[in-house]
């Protein structure tokens, strides 16, 4: 009972009340069950998340993204180390690129090279 209630994040004060003992007695005699309850629920949740993530639909993609963010600190907002971009270039970036390569598509390119 202590393990299950602990796994569902019931406060220790309430667990002690359900069992009929004080919080101090609960910690003294049920420390392992309090610790194990949370770990078991976490393990079941992770197993379920991995089961969902092994699919091939939109829910699987969300589960994979969630797992990557939580477990590996992944973020879609952090720039990639190799300089790749996730979004198309902006207006200024496009104009700059066009200005730098304009000569390659005209007769001026022959004169500038």
N, C-alpha and C. Protein backbone atom coordinates (compact mmCIF):
# COMPACT_ATOMS: atom_id res chain seq x y z
N UNK A 1 0.83 -1.18 0.00
CA UNK A 1 0.00 0.00 0.00
C UNK A 1 0.88 1.25 0.00
N UNK A 2 1.91 1.29 0.84
CA UNK A 2 2.80 2.45 0.92
C UNK A 2 3.50 2.67 -0.42
N UNK A 3 3.96 1.59 -1.04
CA UNK A 3 4.65 1.68 -2.32
C UNK A 3 3.74 2.24 -3.41
N UNK A 4 2.51 1.75 -3.46
CA UNK A 4 1.55 2.21 -4.47
C UNK A 4 1.20 3.67 -4.27
N UNK A 5 0.90 4.06 -3.03
CA UNK A 5 0.55 5.45 -2.75
C UNK A 5 1.73 6.38 -3.04
N UNK A 6 2.92 5.95 -2.70
CA UNK A 6 4.10 6.73 -2.99
C UNK A 6 4.30 6.89 -4.50
N UNK A 7 4.03 5.83 -5.24
CA UNK A 7 4.14 5.88 -6.70
C UNK A 7 3.18 6.85 -7.33
N UNK A 8 2.03 7.07 -6.70
CA UNK A 8 1.06 8.02 -7.22
C UNK A 8 1.25 9.42 -6.64
N UNK A 9 2.41 9.65 -6.02
CA UNK A 9 2.80 10.96 -5.48
C UNK A 9 1.87 11.46 -4.39
N UNK A 10 1.30 10.54 -3.62
CA UNK A 10 0.50 10.93 -2.46
C UNK A 10 1.48 11.44 -1.40
N UNK A 11 1.22 12.59 -0.78
CA UNK A 11 2.14 13.12 0.24
C UNK A 11 2.32 12.13 1.39
N UNK A 12 3.53 12.11 1.94
CA UNK A 12 3.84 11.15 3.01
C UNK A 12 2.96 11.36 4.23
N UNK A 13 2.55 12.57 4.47
CA UNK A 13 1.64 12.84 5.60
C UNK A 13 0.34 12.06 5.42
N UNK A 14 -0.18 12.06 4.19
CA UNK A 14 -1.42 11.34 3.90
C UNK A 14 -1.22 9.83 3.91
N UNK A 15 -0.07 9.37 3.41
CA UNK A 15 0.22 7.93 3.45
C UNK A 15 0.26 7.46 4.89
N UNK A 16 0.94 8.21 5.74
CA UNK A 16 1.01 7.84 7.16
C UNK A 16 -0.38 7.78 7.77
N UNK A 17 -1.24 8.70 7.40
CA UNK A 17 -2.60 8.72 7.93
C UNK A 17 -3.40 7.50 7.46
N UNK A 18 -3.24 7.13 6.20
CA UNK A 18 -3.93 5.95 5.67
C UNK A 18 -3.47 4.69 6.39
N UNK A 19 -2.16 4.56 6.59
CA UNK A 19 -1.61 3.39 7.24
C UNK A 19 -1.88 3.40 8.75
N UNK A 20 -2.08 4.58 9.31
CA UNK A 20 -2.39 4.69 10.73
C UNK A 20 -1.17 4.85 11.61
N UNK A 21 -0.13 5.49 11.08
CA UNK A 21 1.10 5.71 11.85
C UNK A 21 1.54 7.17 11.65
N UNK A 22 2.55 7.57 12.39
CA UNK A 22 3.08 8.92 12.23
C UNK A 22 4.02 8.96 11.03
N UNK A 23 4.30 10.19 10.58
CA UNK A 23 5.24 10.34 9.47
C UNK A 23 6.63 9.82 9.85
N UNK A 24 7.06 10.07 11.05
CA UNK A 24 8.37 9.60 11.50
C UNK A 24 8.45 8.08 11.45
N UNK A 25 7.38 7.41 11.88
CA UNK A 25 7.35 5.94 11.84
C UNK A 25 7.31 5.45 10.40
N UNK A 26 6.59 6.16 9.56
CA UNK A 26 6.53 5.82 8.14
C UNK A 26 7.93 5.85 7.54
N UNK A 27 8.68 6.94 7.78
CA UNK A 27 10.04 7.04 7.25
C UNK A 27 10.96 5.99 7.85
N UNK A 28 10.76 5.68 9.11
CA UNK A 28 11.63 4.72 9.78
C UNK A 28 11.44 3.30 9.23
N UNK A 29 10.20 2.88 9.02
CA UNK A 29 9.92 1.49 8.65
C UNK A 29 9.61 1.27 7.16
N UNK A 30 9.29 2.31 6.43
CA UNK A 30 8.87 2.15 5.04
C UNK A 30 9.71 2.97 4.06
N UNK A 31 10.91 3.32 4.43
CA UNK A 31 11.76 4.15 3.57
C UNK A 31 11.96 3.53 2.19
N UNK A 32 12.25 2.23 2.15
CA UNK A 32 12.47 1.56 0.86
C UNK A 32 11.22 1.57 0.00
N UNK A 33 10.06 1.33 0.59
CA UNK A 33 8.81 1.32 -0.17
C UNK A 33 8.49 2.72 -0.71
N UNK A 34 8.78 3.74 0.07
CA UNK A 34 8.56 5.11 -0.39
C UNK A 34 9.43 5.42 -1.60
N UNK A 35 10.67 5.00 -1.55
CA UNK A 35 11.61 5.24 -2.65
C UNK A 35 11.25 4.40 -3.87
N UNK A 36 10.93 3.14 -3.65
CA UNK A 36 10.66 2.21 -4.74
C UNK A 36 9.36 2.55 -5.46
N UNK A 37 8.37 3.06 -4.74
CA UNK A 37 7.08 3.39 -5.37
C UNK A 37 7.23 4.39 -6.49
N UNK A 38 7.96 5.44 -6.25
CA UNK A 38 8.18 6.44 -7.30
C UNK A 38 8.98 5.88 -8.46
N UNK A 39 9.98 5.08 -8.16
CA UNK A 39 10.83 4.51 -9.21
C UNK A 39 10.04 3.55 -10.10
N UNK A 40 9.14 2.76 -9.50
CA UNK A 40 8.35 1.81 -10.30
C UNK A 40 7.40 2.53 -11.25
N UNK A 41 6.75 3.57 -10.75
CA UNK A 41 5.84 4.33 -11.62
C UNK A 41 6.63 4.99 -12.74
N UNK A 42 7.79 5.55 -12.40
CA UNK A 42 8.62 6.18 -13.43
C UNK A 42 9.03 5.16 -14.49
N UNK A 43 9.42 3.97 -14.06
CA UNK A 43 9.82 2.93 -15.01
C UNK A 43 8.66 2.53 -15.91
N UNK A 44 7.46 2.41 -15.36
CA UNK A 44 6.29 2.06 -16.17
C UNK A 44 5.96 3.16 -17.17
N UNK A 45 6.08 4.41 -16.75
CA UNK A 45 5.81 5.53 -17.65
C UNK A 45 6.82 5.57 -18.79
N UNK A 46 8.09 5.34 -18.47
CA UNK A 46 9.12 5.34 -19.50
C UNK A 46 8.90 4.19 -20.48
N UNK A 47 8.54 3.01 -19.97
CA UNK A 47 8.27 1.87 -20.84
C UNK A 47 7.10 2.17 -21.78
N UNK A 48 6.07 2.81 -21.25
CA UNK A 48 4.92 3.16 -22.08
C UNK A 48 5.30 4.22 -23.11
N UNK A 49 6.09 5.20 -22.70
CA UNK A 49 6.54 6.23 -23.63
C UNK A 49 7.35 5.61 -24.77
N UNK A 50 8.24 4.69 -24.45
CA UNK A 50 9.04 4.04 -25.48
C UNK A 50 8.18 3.17 -26.40
N UNK A 51 7.15 2.54 -25.84
CA UNK A 51 6.22 1.77 -26.67
C UNK A 51 5.51 2.68 -27.65
N UNK A 52 5.04 3.82 -27.18
CA UNK A 52 4.36 4.77 -28.05
C UNK A 52 5.33 5.32 -29.10
N UNK A 53 6.56 5.63 -28.68
CA UNK A 53 7.55 6.21 -29.58
C UNK A 53 7.97 5.24 -30.68
N UNK A 54 7.75 3.96 -30.50
CA UNK A 54 8.15 2.98 -31.53
C UNK A 54 7.15 2.91 -32.67
N UNK A 55 6.05 3.65 -32.58
CA UNK A 55 5.07 3.69 -33.65
C UNK A 55 5.54 4.55 -34.80
N UNK A 56 4.63 4.81 -35.74
CA UNK A 56 5.01 5.61 -36.92
C UNK A 56 4.00 6.71 -37.21
N UNK A 57 3.23 7.11 -36.21
CA UNK A 57 2.24 8.16 -36.44
C UNK A 57 2.67 9.45 -35.74
N UNK A 58 1.79 10.43 -35.75
CA UNK A 58 2.09 11.72 -35.13
C UNK A 58 2.30 11.62 -33.63
N UNK A 59 1.57 10.72 -32.99
CA UNK A 59 1.74 10.54 -31.54
C UNK A 59 3.13 10.00 -31.24
N UNK A 60 3.63 9.11 -32.08
CA UNK A 60 4.97 8.57 -31.90
C UNK A 60 6.02 9.68 -32.02
N UNK A 61 5.82 10.57 -32.98
CA UNK A 61 6.75 11.67 -33.16
C UNK A 61 6.77 12.57 -31.93
N UNK A 62 5.61 12.84 -31.37
CA UNK A 62 5.54 13.65 -30.15
C UNK A 62 6.23 12.94 -28.99
N UNK A 63 6.04 11.64 -28.89
CA UNK A 63 6.67 10.86 -27.81
C UNK A 63 8.18 10.85 -27.96
N UNK A 64 8.66 10.71 -29.18
CA UNK A 64 10.10 10.71 -29.44
C UNK A 64 10.69 12.08 -29.09
N UNK A 65 10.02 13.14 -29.53
CA UNK A 65 10.48 14.49 -29.23
C UNK A 65 10.53 14.73 -27.74
N UNK A 66 9.49 14.32 -27.04
CA UNK A 66 9.44 14.48 -25.59
C UNK A 66 10.59 13.73 -24.92
N UNK A 67 10.81 12.49 -25.34
CA UNK A 67 11.88 11.68 -24.75
C UNK A 67 13.24 12.31 -25.01
N UNK A 68 13.48 12.80 -26.22
CA UNK A 68 14.75 13.44 -26.54
C UNK A 68 14.97 14.70 -25.71
N UNK A 69 13.91 15.47 -25.53
CA UNK A 69 14.02 16.69 -24.74
C UNK A 69 14.31 16.38 -23.28
N UNK A 70 13.59 15.43 -22.72
CA UNK A 70 13.74 15.11 -21.29
C UNK A 70 15.03 14.37 -20.99
N UNK A 71 15.32 13.37 -21.76
CA UNK A 71 16.45 12.48 -21.43
C UNK A 71 17.79 13.01 -21.91
N UNK A 72 17.78 13.65 -23.09
CA UNK A 72 19.05 14.04 -23.70
C UNK A 72 19.23 15.55 -23.83
N UNK A 73 18.29 16.33 -23.29
CA UNK A 73 18.42 17.78 -23.32
C UNK A 73 18.28 18.37 -24.72
N UNK A 74 17.71 17.62 -25.63
CA UNK A 74 17.56 18.08 -27.01
C UNK A 74 16.57 19.23 -27.07
N UNK A 75 16.81 20.18 -27.94
CA UNK A 75 15.89 21.29 -28.13
C UNK A 75 15.88 21.68 -29.60
N UNK A 76 14.71 21.96 -30.10
CA UNK A 76 14.62 22.38 -31.49
C UNK A 76 15.06 23.83 -31.66
N UNK A 77 15.24 24.55 -30.57
CA UNK A 77 15.60 25.96 -30.63
C UNK A 77 17.09 26.22 -30.51
N UNK A 78 17.86 25.22 -30.13
CA UNK A 78 19.30 25.39 -30.00
C UNK A 78 19.93 25.19 -31.37
N UNK A 79 20.81 26.10 -31.80
CA UNK A 79 21.44 25.92 -33.11
C UNK A 79 22.27 24.65 -33.16
N UNK A 80 22.26 24.03 -34.28
CA UNK A 80 23.03 22.81 -34.45
C UNK A 80 24.52 23.16 -34.57
N UNK A 81 25.39 22.29 -34.07
CA UNK A 81 26.82 22.58 -34.11
C UNK A 81 27.38 22.67 -35.53
N UNK A 82 26.78 21.96 -36.48
CA UNK A 82 27.32 21.97 -37.83
C UNK A 82 26.82 23.17 -38.65
N UNK A 83 26.05 24.05 -38.03
CA UNK A 83 25.59 25.26 -38.70
C UNK A 83 24.36 25.08 -39.57
N UNK A 84 23.79 23.88 -39.58
CA UNK A 84 22.58 23.65 -40.37
C UNK A 84 21.44 24.50 -39.86
N UNK A 85 20.54 24.81 -40.73
CA UNK A 85 19.39 25.63 -40.36
C UNK A 85 18.13 24.79 -40.47
N UNK A 86 17.19 25.03 -39.55
CA UNK A 86 15.90 24.34 -39.61
C UNK A 86 14.85 25.17 -40.33
N UNK A 87 15.12 26.43 -40.55
CA UNK A 87 14.14 27.30 -41.18
C UNK A 87 14.74 27.85 -42.47
N UNK A 88 13.88 28.29 -43.39
CA UNK A 88 14.40 28.88 -44.62
C UNK A 88 15.07 30.22 -44.31
N UNK A 89 15.99 30.64 -45.15
CA UNK A 89 16.67 31.92 -44.89
C UNK A 89 15.67 33.08 -44.96
N UNK A 90 15.95 34.10 -44.19
CA UNK A 90 15.09 35.28 -44.16
C UNK A 90 15.32 36.17 -45.37
N UNK A 91 14.57 37.27 -45.41
CA UNK A 91 14.62 38.19 -46.53
C UNK A 91 16.01 38.80 -46.71
N UNK A 92 16.61 39.25 -45.61
CA UNK A 92 17.94 39.86 -45.69
C UNK A 92 19.00 38.84 -46.10
N UNK A 93 18.88 37.63 -45.55
CA UNK A 93 19.84 36.59 -45.91
C UNK A 93 19.74 36.22 -47.38
N UNK A 94 18.52 36.16 -47.90
CA UNK A 94 18.31 35.85 -49.31
C UNK A 94 18.89 36.95 -50.20
N UNK A 95 18.65 38.21 -49.84
CA UNK A 95 19.18 39.33 -50.62
C UNK A 95 20.70 39.33 -50.60
N UNK A 96 21.29 39.05 -49.44
CA UNK A 96 22.75 39.01 -49.33
C UNK A 96 23.33 37.92 -50.22
N UNK A 97 22.71 36.74 -50.18
CA UNK A 97 23.19 35.63 -51.01
C UNK A 97 23.06 35.97 -52.49
N UNK A 98 21.94 36.58 -52.86
CA UNK A 98 21.75 36.96 -54.27
C UNK A 98 22.77 38.00 -54.69
N UNK A 99 23.08 38.96 -53.81
CA UNK A 99 24.07 39.99 -54.14
C UNK A 99 25.45 39.39 -54.32
N UNK A 100 25.79 38.40 -53.51
CA UNK A 100 27.11 37.77 -53.58
C UNK A 100 27.27 36.87 -54.78
N UNK A 101 26.16 36.36 -55.32
CA UNK A 101 26.25 35.40 -56.44
C UNK A 101 25.63 35.94 -57.73
N UNK A 102 25.26 37.22 -57.74
CA UNK A 102 24.59 37.78 -58.92
C UNK A 102 25.47 37.71 -60.17
N UNK A 103 26.76 37.88 -60.02
CA UNK A 103 27.66 37.89 -61.17
C UNK A 103 27.80 36.52 -61.84
N UNK A 104 27.45 35.47 -61.14
CA UNK A 104 27.64 34.13 -61.72
C UNK A 104 26.62 33.81 -62.80
N UNK A 105 25.51 34.54 -62.81
CA UNK A 105 24.46 34.25 -63.79
C UNK A 105 24.40 35.30 -64.90
N UNK A 106 25.44 36.09 -65.05
CA UNK A 106 25.43 37.13 -66.08
C UNK A 106 26.79 37.19 -66.77
N UNK A 107 26.89 38.09 -67.75
CA UNK A 107 28.15 38.29 -68.45
C UNK A 107 29.19 38.94 -67.55
N UNK A 108 28.74 39.59 -66.49
CA UNK A 108 29.65 40.24 -65.56
C UNK A 108 30.54 39.21 -64.85
N UNK A 109 30.04 38.03 -64.70
CA UNK A 109 30.82 36.99 -64.03
C UNK A 109 32.11 36.71 -64.76
N UNK A 110 32.07 36.74 -66.10
CA UNK A 110 33.25 36.50 -66.92
C UNK A 110 34.27 37.65 -66.73
N UNK A 111 33.76 38.85 -66.57
CA UNK A 111 34.64 40.01 -66.40
C UNK A 111 35.25 40.07 -64.99
N UNK A 112 34.51 39.61 -64.00
CA UNK A 112 34.98 39.69 -62.61
C UNK A 112 35.94 38.57 -62.26
N UNK A 113 35.92 37.49 -62.96
CA UNK A 113 36.78 36.34 -62.63
C UNK A 113 38.14 36.45 -63.20
